[in-house]
Amino acid sequence: MHQIWLILTLVVQEYLQTYPESYLNRNSTYCMKVSMSLTVAENESGLCYNSRIRYLEKSEVTKRKEISCPDMDDFKKSDQEPDVVWYKVTQNDV
């Protein structure tokens, strides 16, 4: 997993050096070039995330709650819902 993250980071950094104010969103049938800011953060030591860019959601253990993904509207097609997977992370997880 860390190796994949490192490769992605290097590709993104190389792209940002070439096109510092652009972001390319592409799949096999769709390509869009827009201007936006992008932050690439390295995972903290011993964790699988960076706490400065993590989205926190609080809930009571005994109640149900719908967890929303912030700002997903800019990254999905209007006729499709994205496939989002949530993971519970604890201090013991690596």
Protein backbone atom coordinates (compact mmCIF):
# COMPACT_ATOMS: atom_id res chain seq x y z
CA MET A 1 0.00 0.00 0.00
CA HIS A 2 2.78 2.46 0.87
CA GLN A 3 4.50 1.75 -2.45
CA ILE A 4 1.30 2.56 -4.39
CA TRP A 5 0.88 5.79 -2.39
CA LEU A 6 4.48 6.77 -3.14
CA ILE A 7 4.01 6.18 -6.89
CA LEU A 8 0.78 8.20 -6.88
CA THR A 9 2.49 10.99 -4.96
CA LEU A 10 5.37 11.13 -7.45
CA VAL A 11 3.00 11.18 -10.44
CA VAL A 12 0.88 13.95 -8.88
CA GLN A 13 3.96 15.99 -7.95
CA GLU A 14 5.36 15.66 -11.49
CA TYR A 15 2.01 16.71 -12.96
CA LEU A 16 1.73 19.70 -10.61
CA GLN A 17 5.24 20.85 -11.53
CA THR A 18 4.23 20.79 -15.20
CA TYR A 19 0.72 22.23 -14.71
CA PRO A 20 0.76 23.95 -11.29
CA GLU A 21 -2.81 25.30 -11.43
CA SER A 22 -4.58 22.43 -13.17
CA TYR A 23 -6.09 19.11 -12.22
CA LEU A 24 -6.89 16.39 -14.75
CA ASN A 25 -9.86 14.11 -14.07
CA ARG A 26 -9.92 11.20 -16.51
CA ASN A 27 -11.31 7.71 -16.98
CA SER A 28 -11.86 5.55 -20.08
CA THR A 29 -14.82 7.61 -21.36
CA TYR A 30 -14.45 11.01 -19.74
CA CYS A 31 -11.74 13.66 -19.47
CA MET A 32 -11.99 17.07 -17.82
CA LYS A 33 -9.25 19.62 -17.11
CA VAL A 34 -10.13 22.13 -14.41
CA SER A 35 -8.28 24.49 -12.12
CA MET A 36 -8.28 23.62 -8.42
CA SER A 37 -5.91 23.32 -5.51
CA LEU A 38 -4.68 19.86 -4.55
CA THR A 39 -2.92 18.80 -1.38
CA VAL A 40 -0.98 15.53 -1.28
CA ALA A 41 -0.18 14.51 2.29
CA GLU A 42 2.01 11.67 3.51
CA ASN A 43 0.61 9.26 6.10
CA GLU A 44 1.77 9.85 9.65
CA SER A 45 4.18 7.34 11.15
CA GLY A 46 2.28 4.26 12.34
CA LEU A 47 -1.03 5.42 10.83
CA CYS A 48 -2.75 4.87 7.48
CA TYR A 49 -3.83 8.53 7.21
CA ASN A 50 -2.69 12.09 7.86
CA SER A 51 -4.63 13.61 10.77
CA ARG A 52 -4.45 17.14 9.30
CA ILE A 53 -6.62 16.22 6.31
CA ARG A 54 -8.81 13.56 7.89
CA TYR A 55 -12.57 14.20 7.95
CA LEU A 56 -13.94 13.50 11.43
CA GLU A 57 -17.50 12.35 12.02
CA LYS A 58 -18.85 11.85 15.55
CA SER A 59 -21.75 9.61 16.49
CA GLU A 60 -23.28 7.98 19.54
CA VAL A 61 -22.60 4.25 19.74
CA THR A 62 -26.22 3.34 20.46
CA LYS A 63 -27.74 5.31 17.56
CA ARG A 64 -27.70 4.95 13.78
CA LYS A 65 -26.17 7.77 11.77
CA GLU A 66 -25.67 8.44 8.08
CA ILE A 67 -22.06 9.41 7.40
CA SER A 68 -21.65 11.84 4.55
CA CYS A 69 -18.68 12.41 2.28
CA PRO A 70 -17.76 16.10 2.13
CA ASP A 71 -17.43 17.80 -1.26
CA MET A 72 -18.12 14.68 -3.34
CA ASP A 73 -20.40 16.54 -5.77
CA ASP A 74 -17.40 17.93 -7.63
CA PHE A 75 -15.99 14.45 -8.27
CA LYS A 76 -18.95 12.39 -9.40
CA LYS A 77 -21.05 12.15 -12.53
CA SER A 78 -24.53 13.60 -12.13
CA ASP A 79 -26.21 10.30 -13.09
CA GLN A 80 -24.06 8.02 -10.89
CA GLU A 81 -23.45 7.63 -7.20
CA PRO A 82 -19.79 7.01 -6.30
CA ASP A 83 -18.75 3.76 -4.64
CA VAL A 84 -17.43 4.98 -1.27
CA VAL A 85 -15.90 2.64 1.31
CA TRP A 86 -15.49 3.82 4.91
CA TYR A 87 -12.93 2.24 7.25
CA LYS A 88 -12.81 2.44 11.02
CA VAL A 89 -9.27 3.38 12.05
CA THR A 90 -7.91 2.93 15.56
CA GLN A 91 -4.52 3.73 17.04
CA ASN A 92 -3.62 0.01 16.83
CA ASP A 93 -4.28 -0.17 13.07
CA VAL A 94 -1.29 0.03 10.75
